[in-house]
Amino acid sequence: MEDLLKALVSATATQQESNRLIQAQIGAVMEAQKADHELLKATIRSLATQAPPSQETRIRASCYLQKMLPEDDVEAYLRAFERTATQEAWPADKWAGIIAPFLIGEAQKAYYDLEEVQATDYKLLKAEILARFGVTKAVRARRFSNWTYEEKRPPQTQMFDLMHLARKWLQPEHQSPTQIVETLVLDKFLRGLPRSLREWVGQGNPGTYDDMVAQVERYLAAKNFEDSPRRSPKVVVGSIPTHRKEQPQKVFGSTTSSNGSAILPAPGGPVRHSDHSDTFRRGNEPQRNSIQCFECGELGHIRARCPNTSEPMQCGLGED
């Protein structure tokens, strides 16, 4: 009996030792698995940081975005992209590069026309695209002001449309209350201007009170300058007119041909006066025949044109 008890005790002790060893082995295996799991997580994190983010972003973008269609509203398309990019936590500095492959037509041209540095800025790209499609702040204000109720459409739909136009124009998510008030005042001021002045100022797209006032004052100053009476240029008495080519020179009482010979007026005929005398007559007309010839002493001509000279005056030109 004692031998049986000893055998049972020995078997129990052996079983307990076996269980202890098994538990130790299980614990070692679990620790090894835990270490392997931590190592795997660290490896995954390391690979995630080393992988190029743009490649991952492009793959994710292609799963959420569709190619822009010609009939798409450009504002709605850009707004849908912004909401998707925000929801997926895409880096804001990568937005321009993400949306570029999905653009078409004028929107795509706007991207490629920008400089390389500017093309990476989504805000600049968006502004350029909207400008290409004629969607400016002035256009949004005009859409809001020109809104009218349509009887055939549901009232709730039209109310949402009007709210959408107002939000697109005033942009409460980007503008402060002070800026919204400024926008309303500028629009009302612009619409109160005369048509010609309103069109001219509207082209400058003023964004502040000072810009608006400066452009209006510039227009008024230019208009006042145009409307002011212009004085005719003063004529200097006694000024010598420009000689006309290949016309006979005129002296008092006679004319001279191109070869230098004098042509006297017919007896009793009208006396032709030179351009000089016509000019002098505008002011105080000098005495007629005030020019005296040094050759013959007569009045009315000069020595170079003296009709009483038998031989032409020697000037010494052309002699050896």
C-alpha atoms as a PDB file:
ATOM      1  CA  MET A   1       0.000   0.000   0.000  1.00  0.00           C
ATOM      2  CA  GLU A   2       2.795   2.349   0.866  1.00  0.00           C
ATOM      3  CA  ASP A   3       4.496   1.529  -2.414  1.00  0.00           C
ATOM      4  CA  LEU A   4       1.322   2.418  -4.288  1.00  0.00           C
ATOM      5  CA  LEU A   5       1.047   5.728  -2.497  1.00  0.00           C
ATOM      6  CA  LYS A   6       4.676   6.515  -3.216  1.00  0.00           C
ATOM      7  CA  ALA A   7       4.123   5.701  -6.865  1.00  0.00           C
ATOM      8  CA  LEU A   8       1.099   7.993  -7.031  1.00  0.00           C
ATOM      9  CA  VAL A   9       2.972  10.822  -5.318  1.00  0.00           C
ATOM     10  CA  SER A  10       5.894  10.378  -7.678  1.00  0.00           C
ATOM     11  CA  ALA A  11       3.595  10.350 -10.709  1.00  0.00           C
ATOM     12  CA  THR A  12       1.835  13.472  -9.488  1.00  0.00           C
ATOM     13  CA  ALA A  13       5.127  15.261  -8.969  1.00  0.00           C
ATOM     14  CA  THR A  14       6.278  14.211 -12.414  1.00  0.00           C
ATOM     15  CA  GLN A  15       3.034  15.446 -13.936  1.00  0.00           C
ATOM     16  CA  GLN A  16       3.315  18.775 -12.157  1.00  0.00           C
ATOM     17  CA  GLU A  17       6.879  19.179 -13.374  1.00  0.00           C
ATOM     18  CA  SER A  18       5.757  18.383 -16.875  1.00  0.00           C
ATOM     19  CA  ASN A  19       2.950  20.906 -16.617  1.00  0.00           C
ATOM     20  CA  ARG A  20       5.393  23.504 -15.344  1.00  0.00           C
ATOM     21  CA  LEU A  21       7.712  22.874 -18.230  1.00  0.00           C
ATOM     22  CA  ILE A  22       4.847  23.063 -20.682  1.00  0.00           C
ATOM     23  CA  GLN A  23       3.672  26.337 -19.172  1.00  0.00           C
ATOM     24  CA  ALA A  24       7.194  27.702 -19.410  1.00  0.00           C
ATOM     25  CA  GLN A  25       7.402  26.667 -23.039  1.00  0.00           C
ATOM     26  CA  ILE A  26       4.021  28.223 -23.773  1.00  0.00           C
ATOM     27  CA  GLY A  27       5.115  31.450 -22.075  1.00  0.00           C
ATOM     28  CA  ALA A  28       8.319  31.486 -24.091  1.00  0.00           C
ATOM     29  CA  VAL A  29       6.389  30.950 -27.302  1.00  0.00           C
ATOM     30  CA  MET A  30       3.978  33.751 -26.426  1.00  0.00           C
ATOM     31  CA  GLU A  31       6.852  36.098 -25.640  1.00  0.00           C
ATOM     32  CA  ALA A  32       8.456  35.195 -28.933  1.00  0.00           C
ATOM     33  CA  GLN A  33       5.205  35.826 -30.772  1.00  0.00           C
ATOM     34  CA  LYS A  34       4.794  39.147 -29.013  1.00  0.00           C
ATOM     35  CA  ALA A  35       8.316  40.152 -29.956  1.00  0.00           C
ATOM     36  CA  ASP A  36       7.700  39.085 -33.532  1.00  0.00           C
ATOM     37  CA  HIS A  37       4.486  41.103 -33.595  1.00  0.00           C
ATOM     38  CA  GLU A  38       6.235  44.222 -32.334  1.00  0.00           C
ATOM     39  CA  LEU A  39       9.004  43.713 -34.856  1.00  0.00           C
ATOM     40  CA  LEU A  40       6.442  43.345 -37.623  1.00  0.00           C
ATOM     41  CA  LYS A  41       4.689  46.555 -36.581  1.00  0.00           C
ATOM     42  CA  ALA A  42       7.985  48.414 -36.494  1.00  0.00           C
ATOM     43  CA  THR A  43       8.846  47.089 -39.932  1.00  0.00           C
ATOM     44  CA  ILE A  44       5.481  48.186 -41.324  1.00  0.00           C
ATOM     45  CA  ARG A  45       5.879  51.678 -39.855  1.00  0.00           C
ATOM     46  CA  SER A  46       9.360  51.920 -41.306  1.00  0.00           C
ATOM     47  CA  LEU A  47       8.164  50.877 -44.735  1.00  0.00           C
ATOM     48  CA  ALA A  48       5.261  53.315 -44.551  1.00  0.00           C
ATOM     49  CA  THR A  49       7.581  56.228 -43.828  1.00  0.00           C
ATOM     50  CA  GLN A  50      10.026  55.205 -46.543  1.00  0.00           C
ATOM     51  CA  ALA A  51       7.367  54.782 -49.262  1.00  0.00           C
ATOM     52  CA  PRO A  52       6.866  57.884 -51.480  1.00  0.00           C
ATOM     53  CA  PRO A  53       3.667  59.620 -50.301  1.00  0.00           C
ATOM     54  CA  SER A  54       2.845  60.970 -53.752  1.00  0.00           C
ATOM     55  CA  GLN A  55       2.550  57.445 -55.156  1.00  0.00           C
ATOM     56  CA  GLU A  56       0.175  56.418 -52.388  1.00  0.00           C
ATOM     57  CA  THR A  57      -1.806  59.638 -52.843  1.00  0.00           C
ATOM     58  CA  ARG A  58      -2.172  59.132 -56.575  1.00  0.00           C
ATOM     59  CA  ILE A  59      -3.464  55.622 -56.062  1.00  0.00           C
ATOM     60  CA  ARG A  60      -5.990  56.804 -53.519  1.00  0.00           C
ATOM     61  CA  ALA A  61      -6.989  59.772 -55.687  1.00  0.00           C
ATOM     62  CA  SER A  62      -7.751  57.550 -58.649  1.00  0.00           C
ATOM     63  CA  CYS A  63     -10.127  55.577 -56.432  1.00  0.00           C
ATOM     64  CA  TYR A  64     -12.119  58.669 -55.430  1.00  0.00           C
ATOM     65  CA  LEU A  65     -11.862  61.135 -58.315  1.00  0.00           C
ATOM     66  CA  GLN A  66     -13.222  61.019 -61.831  1.00  0.00           C
ATOM     67  CA  LYS A  67     -11.993  62.763 -64.943  1.00  0.00           C
ATOM     68  CA  MET A  68     -13.544  66.185 -65.411  1.00  0.00           C
ATOM     69  CA  LEU A  69     -16.212  66.264 -68.133  1.00  0.00           C
ATOM     70  CA  PRO A  70     -16.966  69.153 -70.519  1.00  0.00           C
ATOM     71  CA  GLU A  71     -20.476  69.533 -69.104  1.00  0.00           C
ATOM     72  CA  ASP A  72     -19.279  69.656 -65.477  1.00  0.00           C
ATOM     73  CA  ASP A  73     -19.623  72.877 -63.506  1.00  0.00           C
ATOM     74  CA  VAL A  74     -16.068  73.924 -62.733  1.00  0.00           C
ATOM     75  CA  GLU A  75     -16.933  75.362 -59.312  1.00  0.00           C
ATOM     76  CA  ALA A  76     -18.850  72.250 -58.285  1.00  0.00           C
ATOM     77  CA  TYR A  77     -16.040  69.998 -59.512  1.00  0.00           C
ATOM     78  CA  LEU A  78     -13.373  71.869 -57.557  1.00  0.00           C
ATOM     79  CA  ARG A  79     -15.575  71.944 -54.479  1.00  0.00           C
ATOM     80  CA  ALA A  80     -16.122  68.167 -54.664  1.00  0.00           C
ATOM     81  CA  PHE A  81     -12.379  67.641 -54.964  1.00  0.00           C
ATOM     82  CA  GLU A  82     -11.692  69.840 -51.933  1.00  0.00           C
ATOM     83  CA  ARG A  83     -14.169  67.921 -49.801  1.00  0.00           C
ATOM     84  CA  THR A  84     -12.698  64.579 -50.883  1.00  0.00           C
ATOM     85  CA  ALA A  85      -9.148  65.772 -50.251  1.00  0.00           C
ATOM     86  CA  THR A  86     -10.103  67.038 -46.795  1.00  0.00           C
ATOM     87  CA  GLN A  87     -11.935  63.825 -45.890  1.00  0.00           C
ATOM     88  CA  GLU A  88      -9.029  61.639 -47.023  1.00  0.00           C
ATOM     89  CA  ALA A  89      -6.497  63.889 -45.260  1.00  0.00           C
ATOM     90  CA  TRP A  90      -4.443  64.480 -48.389  1.00  0.00           C
ATOM     91  CA  PRO A  91      -1.609  66.981 -47.852  1.00  0.00           C
ATOM     92  CA  ALA A  92      -2.750  70.451 -48.889  1.00  0.00           C
ATOM     93  CA  ASP A  93       0.557  71.160 -50.611  1.00  0.00           C
ATOM     94  CA  LYS A  94      -0.096  68.162 -52.900  1.00  0.00           C
ATOM     95  CA  TRP A  95      -3.612  69.125 -53.983  1.00  0.00           C
ATOM     96  CA  ALA A  96      -2.532  70.849 -57.197  1.00  0.00           C
ATOM     97  CA  GLY A  97      -0.502  67.841 -58.302  1.00  0.00           C
ATOM     98  CA  ILE A  98      -3.310  65.437 -57.390  1.00  0.00           C
ATOM     99  CA  ILE A  99      -6.045  67.199 -59.354  1.00  0.00           C
ATOM    100  CA  ALA A 100      -3.902  68.081 -62.389  1.00  0.00           C
ATOM    101  CA  PRO A 101      -4.290  64.707 -64.200  1.00  0.00           C
ATOM    102  CA  PHE A 102      -8.077  64.920 -63.876  1.00  0.00           C
ATOM    103  CA  LEU A 103      -8.439  68.366 -65.527  1.00  0.00           C
ATOM    104  CA  ILE A 104      -9.407  68.921 -69.165  1.00  0.00           C
ATOM    105  CA  GLY A 105      -9.783  71.821 -71.583  1.00  0.00           C
ATOM    106  CA  GLU A 106      -9.261  75.332 -70.262  1.00  0.00           C
ATOM    107  CA  ALA A 107      -8.728  74.054 -66.724  1.00  0.00           C
ATOM    108  CA  GLN A 108      -5.860  71.885 -67.912  1.00  0.00           C
ATOM    109  CA  LYS A 109      -4.399  74.796 -69.915  1.00  0.00           C
ATOM    110  CA  ALA A 110      -4.523  76.957 -66.798  1.00  0.00           C
ATOM    111  CA  TYR A 111      -2.405  74.393 -64.955  1.00  0.00           C
ATOM    112  CA  TYR A 112       0.211  74.095 -67.682  1.00  0.00           C
ATOM    113  CA  ASP A 113       0.376  77.862 -68.289  1.00  0.00           C
ATOM    114  CA  LEU A 114       1.424  78.527 -64.699  1.00  0.00           C
ATOM    115  CA  GLU A 115       5.057  78.600 -63.698  1.00  0.00           C
ATOM    116  CA  GLU A 116       6.443  75.420 -62.158  1.00  0.00           C
ATOM    117  CA  VAL A 117       6.456  76.868 -58.649  1.00  0.00           C
ATOM    118  CA  GLN A 118       3.011  78.467 -58.996  1.00  0.00           C
ATOM    119  CA  ALA A 119       1.526  75.236 -60.344  1.00  0.00           C
ATOM    120  CA  THR A 120       2.152  73.570 -56.975  1.00  0.00           C
ATOM    121  CA  ASP A 121      -0.055  76.123 -55.167  1.00  0.00           C
ATOM    122  CA  TYR A 122      -3.666  74.933 -55.267  1.00  0.00           C
ATOM    123  CA  LYS A 123      -5.097  78.356 -54.387  1.00  0.00           C
ATOM    124  CA  LEU A 124      -3.308  80.000 -57.306  1.00  0.00           C
ATOM    125  CA  LEU A 125      -4.358  77.174 -59.608  1.00  0.00           C
ATOM    126  CA  LYS A 126      -7.981  77.447 -58.520  1.00  0.00           C
ATOM    127  CA  ALA A 127      -8.005  81.223 -59.020  1.00  0.00           C
ATOM    128  CA  GLU A 128      -6.498  80.835 -62.493  1.00  0.00           C
ATOM    129  CA  ILE A 129      -9.021  78.155 -63.479  1.00  0.00           C
ATOM    130  CA  LEU A 130     -11.975  80.229 -62.293  1.00  0.00           C
ATOM    131  CA  ALA A 131     -10.605  83.275 -64.107  1.00  0.00           C
ATOM    132  CA  ARG A 132     -10.353  81.256 -67.327  1.00  0.00           C
ATOM    133  CA  PHE A 133     -14.013  80.316 -66.968  1.00  0.00           C
ATOM    134  CA  GLY A 134     -15.010  83.897 -66.144  1.00  0.00           C
ATOM    135  CA  VAL A 135     -15.948  83.106 -62.556  1.00  0.00           C
ATOM    136  CA  THR A 136     -14.832  86.162 -60.582  1.00  0.00           C
ATOM    137  CA  LYS A 137     -16.134  87.938 -57.525  1.00  0.00           C
ATOM    138  CA  ALA A 138     -17.953  90.448 -59.712  1.00  0.00           C
ATOM    139  CA  VAL A 139     -19.612  87.647 -61.681  1.00  0.00           C
ATOM    140  CA  ARG A 140     -20.751  85.941 -58.475  1.00  0.00           C
ATOM    141  CA  ALA A 141     -22.175  89.205 -57.195  1.00  0.00           C
ATOM    142  CA  ARG A 142     -24.048  89.705 -60.465  1.00  0.00           C
ATOM    143  CA  ARG A 143     -25.447  86.173 -60.315  1.00  0.00           C
ATOM    144  CA  PHE A 144     -26.741  86.796 -56.812  1.00  0.00           C
ATOM    145  CA  SER A 145     -28.243  90.195 -57.677  1.00  0.00           C
ATOM    146  CA  ASN A 146     -29.854  88.955 -60.901  1.00  0.00           C
ATOM    147  CA  TRP A 147     -31.543  85.988 -59.215  1.00  0.00           C
ATOM    148  CA  THR A 148     -35.293  85.848 -59.791  1.00  0.00           C
ATOM    149  CA  TYR A 149     -37.975  83.502 -58.581  1.00  0.00           C
ATOM    150  CA  GLU A 150     -39.274  80.898 -61.063  1.00  0.00           C
ATOM    151  CA  GLU A 151     -42.832  79.723 -60.604  1.00  0.00           C
ATOM    152  CA  LYS A 152     -42.303  76.284 -62.141  1.00  0.00           C
ATOM    153  CA  ARG A 153     -39.502  75.254 -59.787  1.00  0.00           C
ATOM    154  CA  PRO A 154     -39.937  74.117 -56.159  1.00  0.00           C
ATOM    155  CA  PRO A 155     -39.469  76.983 -53.673  1.00  0.00           C
ATOM    156  CA  GLN A 156     -37.119  74.979 -51.468  1.00  0.00           C
ATOM    157  CA  THR A 157     -34.814  74.241 -54.399  1.00  0.00           C
ATOM    158  CA  GLN A 158     -34.707  77.899 -55.352  1.00  0.00           C
ATOM    159  CA  MET A 159     -33.985  78.908 -51.774  1.00  0.00           C
ATOM    160  CA  PHE A 160     -31.005  76.552 -51.671  1.00  0.00           C
ATOM    161  CA  ASP A 161     -29.822  77.920 -55.021  1.00  0.00           C
ATOM    162  CA  LEU A 162     -29.948  81.467 -53.687  1.00  0.00           C
ATOM    163  CA  MET A 163     -28.114  80.447 -50.523  1.00  0.00           C
ATOM    164  CA  HIS A 164     -25.482  78.747 -52.676  1.00  0.00           C
ATOM    165  CA  LEU A 165     -25.017  81.906 -54.758  1.00  0.00           C
ATOM    166  CA  ALA A 166     -24.707  84.020 -51.618  1.00  0.00           C
ATOM    167  CA  ARG A 167     -22.140  81.709 -50.042  1.00  0.00           C
ATOM    168  CA  LYS A 168     -20.089  81.527 -53.228  1.00  0.00           C
ATOM    169  CA  TRP A 169     -20.055  85.309 -53.427  1.00  0.00           C
ATOM    170  CA  LEU A 170     -19.520  86.233 -49.771  1.00  0.00           C
ATOM    171  CA  GLN A 171     -17.491  83.126 -48.793  1.00  0.00           C
ATOM    172  CA  PRO A 172     -18.282  83.225 -45.045  1.00  0.00           C
ATOM    173  CA  GLU A 173     -15.882  80.338 -44.388  1.00  0.00           C
ATOM    174  CA  HIS A 174     -12.967  82.465 -45.605  1.00  0.00           C
ATOM    175  CA  GLN A 175     -14.065  86.055 -44.903  1.00  0.00           C
ATOM    176  CA  SER A 176     -14.607  87.745 -41.572  1.00  0.00           C
ATOM    177  CA  PRO A 177     -17.850  89.641 -40.828  1.00  0.00           C
ATOM    178  CA  THR A 178     -16.018  92.915 -41.503  1.00  0.00           C
ATOM    179  CA  GLN A 179     -14.907  91.693 -44.915  1.00  0.00           C
ATOM    180  CA  ILE A 180     -18.436  90.517 -45.740  1.00  0.00           C
ATOM    181  CA  VAL A 181     -19.824  93.957 -44.903  1.00  0.00           C
ATOM    182  CA  GLU A 182     -17.131  95.521 -47.080  1.00  0.00           C
ATOM    183  CA  THR A 183     -18.096  93.247 -49.956  1.00  0.00           C
ATOM    184  CA  LEU A 184     -21.763  94.233 -49.671  1.00  0.00           C
ATOM    185  CA  VAL A 185     -20.962  97.949 -49.503  1.00  0.00           C
ATOM    186  CA  LEU A 186     -18.614  97.807 -52.492  1.00  0.00           C
ATOM    187  CA  ASP A 187     -21.201  95.969 -54.582  1.00  0.00           C
ATOM    188  CA  LYS A 188     -23.941  98.453 -53.715  1.00  0.00           C
ATOM    189  CA  PHE A 189     -21.633 101.399 -54.410  1.00  0.00           C
ATOM    190  CA  LEU A 190     -20.592  99.953 -57.764  1.00  0.00           C
ATOM    191  CA  ARG A 191     -24.179  99.345 -58.842  1.00  0.00           C
ATOM    192  CA  GLY A 192     -25.083 102.930 -57.978  1.00  0.00           C
ATOM    193  CA  LEU A 193     -22.505 104.400 -60.369  1.00  0.00           C
ATOM    194  CA  PRO A 194     -23.408 105.593 -63.876  1.00  0.00           C
ATOM    195  CA  ARG A 195     -23.161 102.890 -66.497  1.00  0.00           C
ATOM    196  CA  SER A 196     -19.960 104.076 -68.210  1.00  0.00           C
ATOM    197  CA  LEU A 197     -18.248 104.669 -64.886  1.00  0.00           C
ATOM    198  CA  ARG A 198     -19.513 101.340 -63.509  1.00  0.00           C
ATOM    199  CA  GLU A 199     -18.163  99.401 -66.488  1.00  0.00           C
ATOM    200  CA  TRP A 200     -14.778 101.116 -66.282  1.00  0.00           C
ATOM    201  CA  VAL A 201     -14.394 100.631 -62.526  1.00  0.00           C
ATOM    202  CA  GLY A 202     -15.703  97.058 -62.691  1.00  0.00           C
ATOM    203  CA  GLN A 203     -12.851  96.074 -64.993  1.00  0.00           C
ATOM    204  CA  GLY A 204     -10.384  96.947 -62.234  1.00  0.00           C
ATOM    205  CA  ASN A 205     -12.197  94.634 -59.786  1.00  0.00           C
ATOM    206  CA  PRO A 206     -11.541  96.794 -56.681  1.00  0.00           C
ATOM    207  CA  GLY A 207     -11.355  94.778 -53.476  1.00  0.00           C
ATOM    208  CA  THR A 208     -11.291  97.501 -50.815  1.00  0.00           C
ATOM    209  CA  TYR A 209     -12.876 100.862 -50.091  1.00  0.00           C
ATOM    210  CA  ASP A 210      -9.668 102.681 -50.987  1.00  0.00           C
ATOM    211  CA  ASP A 211      -9.331 100.864 -54.310  1.00  0.00           C
ATOM    212  CA  MET A 212     -12.899 101.693 -55.257  1.00  0.00           C
ATOM    213  CA  VAL A 213     -12.592 105.391 -54.393  1.00  0.00           C
ATOM    214  CA  ALA A 214      -9.205 105.682 -56.113  1.00  0.00           C
ATOM    215  CA  GLN A 215     -10.521 104.217 -59.373  1.00  0.00           C
ATOM    216  CA  VAL A 216     -13.605 106.424 -59.364  1.00  0.00           C
ATOM    217  CA  GLU A 217     -11.515 109.539 -58.729  1.00  0.00           C
ATOM    218  CA  ARG A 218      -9.087 108.536 -61.487  1.00  0.00           C
ATOM    219  CA  TYR A 219     -11.945 108.182 -63.954  1.00  0.00           C
ATOM    220  CA  LEU A 220     -13.494 111.521 -62.986  1.00  0.00           C
ATOM    221  CA  ALA A 221     -10.152 113.297 -63.265  1.00  0.00           C
ATOM    222  CA  ALA A 222      -9.607 111.913 -66.764  1.00  0.00           C
ATOM    223  CA  LYS A 223     -13.146 112.851 -67.818  1.00  0.00           C
ATOM    224  CA  ASN A 224     -12.802 116.395 -66.484  1.00  0.00           C
ATOM    225  CA  PHE A 225      -9.570 116.765 -68.424  1.00  0.00           C
ATOM    226  CA  GLU A 226     -11.304 115.658 -71.626  1.00  0.00           C
ATOM    227  CA  ASP A 227     -14.281 117.957 -71.090  1.00  0.00           C
ATOM    228  CA  SER A 228     -12.177 121.035 -70.308  1.00  0.00           C
ATOM    229  CA  PRO A 229     -11.972 123.594 -73.210  1.00  0.00           C
ATOM    230  CA  ARG A 230      -8.759 123.363 -75.132  1.00  0.00           C
ATOM    231  CA  ARG A 231      -6.913 126.519 -76.156  1.00  0.00           C
ATOM    232  CA  SER A 232      -5.755 126.845 -79.731  1.00  0.00           C
ATOM    233  CA  PRO A 233      -1.983 127.126 -80.161  1.00  0.00           C
ATOM    234  CA  LYS A 234      -0.628 130.649 -80.285  1.00  0.00           C
ATOM    235  CA  VAL A 235       0.821 131.927 -83.593  1.00  0.00           C
ATOM    236  CA  VAL A 236       4.046 133.835 -83.208  1.00  0.00           C
ATOM    237  CA  VAL A 237       3.901 137.043 -85.214  1.00  0.00           C
ATOM    238  CA  GLY A 238       6.615 137.214 -87.791  1.00  0.00           C
ATOM    239  CA  SER A 239       7.440 133.496 -87.726  1.00  0.00           C
ATOM    240  CA  ILE A 240       9.004 132.196 -90.917  1.00  0.00           C
ATOM    241  CA  PRO A 241       7.014 129.414 -92.576  1.00  0.00           C
ATOM    242  CA  THR A 242       8.663 126.266 -93.847  1.00  0.00           C
ATOM    243  CA  HIS A 243       9.835 126.569 -97.457  1.00  0.00           C
ATOM    244  CA  ARG A 244       8.004 124.356 -99.868  1.00  0.00           C
ATOM    245  CA  LYS A 245       9.988 122.246-102.257  1.00  0.00           C
ATOM    246  CA  GLU A 246      10.178 123.238-105.909  1.00  0.00           C
ATOM    247  CA  GLN A 247       8.020 126.328-105.587  1.00  0.00           C
ATOM    248  CA  PRO A 248       9.127 129.731-106.898  1.00  0.00           C
ATOM    249  CA  GLN A 249      10.224 132.061-104.158  1.00  0.00           C
ATOM    250  CA  LYS A 250       8.109 135.157-103.786  1.00  0.00           C
ATOM    251  CA  VAL A 251       9.315 138.628-103.024  1.00  0.00           C
ATOM    252  CA  PHE A 252       7.400 141.819-102.725  1.00  0.00           C
ATOM    253  CA  GLY A 253       6.068 142.792-106.119  1.00  0.00           C
ATOM    254  CA  SER A 254       7.770 139.998-108.101  1.00  0.00           C
ATOM    255  CA  THR A 255       8.395 136.285-108.232  1.00  0.00           C
ATOM    256  CA  THR A 256      11.547 134.378-108.994  1.00  0.00           C
ATOM    257  CA  SER A 257      11.719 131.223-111.043  1.00  0.00           C
ATOM    258  CA  SER A 258      13.730 128.161-110.095  1.00  0.00           C
ATOM    259  CA  ASN A 259      16.734 129.316-112.197  1.00  0.00           C
ATOM    260  CA  GLY A 260      16.971 132.586-110.317  1.00  0.00           C
ATOM    261  CA  SER A 261      15.581 134.951-112.994  1.00  0.00           C
ATOM    262  CA  ALA A 262      13.051 137.483-111.828  1.00  0.00           C
ATOM    263  CA  ILE A 263       9.500 137.423-113.110  1.00  0.00           C
ATOM    264  CA  LEU A 264       7.895 140.848-112.809  1.00  0.00           C
ATOM    265  CA  PRO A 265       4.122 141.250-112.606  1.00  0.00           C
ATOM    266  CA  ALA A 266       2.218 142.567-115.594  1.00  0.00           C
ATOM    267  CA  PRO A 267       1.575 146.312-115.638  1.00  0.00           C
ATOM    268  CA  GLY A 268      -1.585 147.108-113.824  1.00  0.00           C
ATOM    269  CA  GLY A 269      -1.853 143.530-112.649  1.00  0.00           C
ATOM    270  CA  PRO A 270      -2.290 142.476-109.071  1.00  0.00           C
ATOM    271  CA  VAL A 271       0.704 142.590-106.857  1.00  0.00           C
ATOM    272  CA  ARG A 272       1.477 139.166-105.369  1.00  0.00           C
ATOM    273  CA  HIS A 273       2.865 139.165-101.912  1.00  0.00           C
ATOM    274  CA  SER A 274       5.106 136.524-100.462  1.00  0.00           C
ATOM    275  CA  ASP A 275       4.298 134.121 -97.690  1.00  0.00           C
ATOM    276  CA  HIS A 276       6.301 136.403 -95.439  1.00  0.00           C
ATOM    277  CA  SER A 277       3.992 139.334 -96.089  1.00  0.00           C
ATOM    278  CA  ASP A 278       0.968 137.134 -95.407  1.00  0.00           C
ATOM    279  CA  THR A 279       2.480 136.164 -92.106  1.00  0.00           C
ATOM    280  CA  PHE A 280       3.345 139.742 -91.239  1.00  0.00           C
ATOM    281  CA  ARG A 281      -0.194 140.874 -92.011  1.00  0.00           C
ATOM    282  CA  ARG A 282      -1.493 138.747 -89.138  1.00  0.00           C
ATOM    283  CA  GLY A 283       0.062 141.202 -86.739  1.00  0.00           C
ATOM    284  CA  ASN A 284       1.191 144.703 -87.261  1.00  0.00           C
ATOM    285  CA  GLU A 285       2.036 144.763 -91.001  1.00  0.00           C
ATOM    286  CA  PRO A 286       5.427 146.374 -91.682  1.00  0.00           C
ATOM    287  CA  GLN A 287       5.865 148.933 -94.424  1.00  0.00           C
ATOM    288  CA  ARG A 288       5.773 147.503 -97.902  1.00  0.00           C
ATOM    289  CA  ASN A 289       9.073 147.472 -99.875  1.00  0.00           C
ATOM    290  CA  SER A 290      11.133 147.736 -96.724  1.00  0.00           C
ATOM    291  CA  ILE A 291      13.888 145.562 -98.261  1.00  0.00           C
ATOM    292  CA  GLN A 292      16.561 147.490-100.225  1.00  0.00           C
ATOM    293  CA  CYS A 293      18.904 146.064-102.849  1.00  0.00           C
ATOM    294  CA  PHE A 294      22.609 146.824-102.240  1.00  0.00           C
ATOM    295  CA  GLU A 295      23.346 146.562-106.005  1.00  0.00           C
ATOM    296  CA  CYS A 296      20.920 149.055-107.544  1.00  0.00           C
ATOM    297  CA  GLY A 297      19.554 150.735-104.443  1.00  0.00           C
ATOM    298  CA  GLU A 298      15.931 150.013-105.303  1.00  0.00           C
ATOM    299  CA  LEU A 299      13.420 148.686-102.831  1.00  0.00           C
ATOM    300  CA  GLY A 300      11.539 145.431-103.018  1.00  0.00           C
ATOM    301  CA  HIS A 301      14.309 142.938-103.641  1.00  0.00           C
ATOM    302  CA  ILE A 302      17.747 141.868-102.480  1.00  0.00           C
ATOM    303  CA  ARG A 303      21.094 141.869-104.305  1.00  0.00           C
ATOM    304  CA  ALA A 304      21.024 138.128-105.084  1.00  0.00           C
ATOM    305  CA  ARG A 305      17.690 138.609-106.888  1.00  0.00           C
ATOM    306  CA  CYS A 306      18.364 142.013-108.431  1.00  0.00           C
ATOM    307  CA  PRO A 307      16.746 142.211-111.925  1.00  0.00           C
ATOM    308  CA  ASN A 308      19.037 145.105-112.923  1.00  0.00           C
ATOM    309  CA  THR A 309      22.221 143.057-112.739  1.00  0.00           C
ATOM    310  CA  SER A 310      23.561 142.243-116.178  1.00  0.00           C
ATOM    311  CA  GLU A 311      25.711 139.354-114.986  1.00  0.00           C
ATOM    312  CA  PRO A 312      24.933 136.865-112.245  1.00  0.00           C
ATOM    313  CA  MET A 313      26.739 137.416-108.984  1.00  0.00           C
ATOM    314  CA  GLN A 314      29.917 135.361-108.689  1.00  0.00           C
ATOM    315  CA  CYS A 315      29.869 133.156-105.644  1.00  0.00           C
ATOM    316  CA  GLY A 316      33.116 131.319-106.297  1.00  0.00           C
ATOM    317  CA  LEU A 317      31.514 127.871-106.219  1.00  0.00           C
ATOM    318  CA  GLY A 318      32.606 125.323-108.769  1.00  0.00           C
ATOM    319  CA  GLU A 319      35.778 127.225-109.764  1.00  0.00           C
ATOM    320  CA  ASP A 320      39.096 125.441-109.983  1.00  0.00           C
END
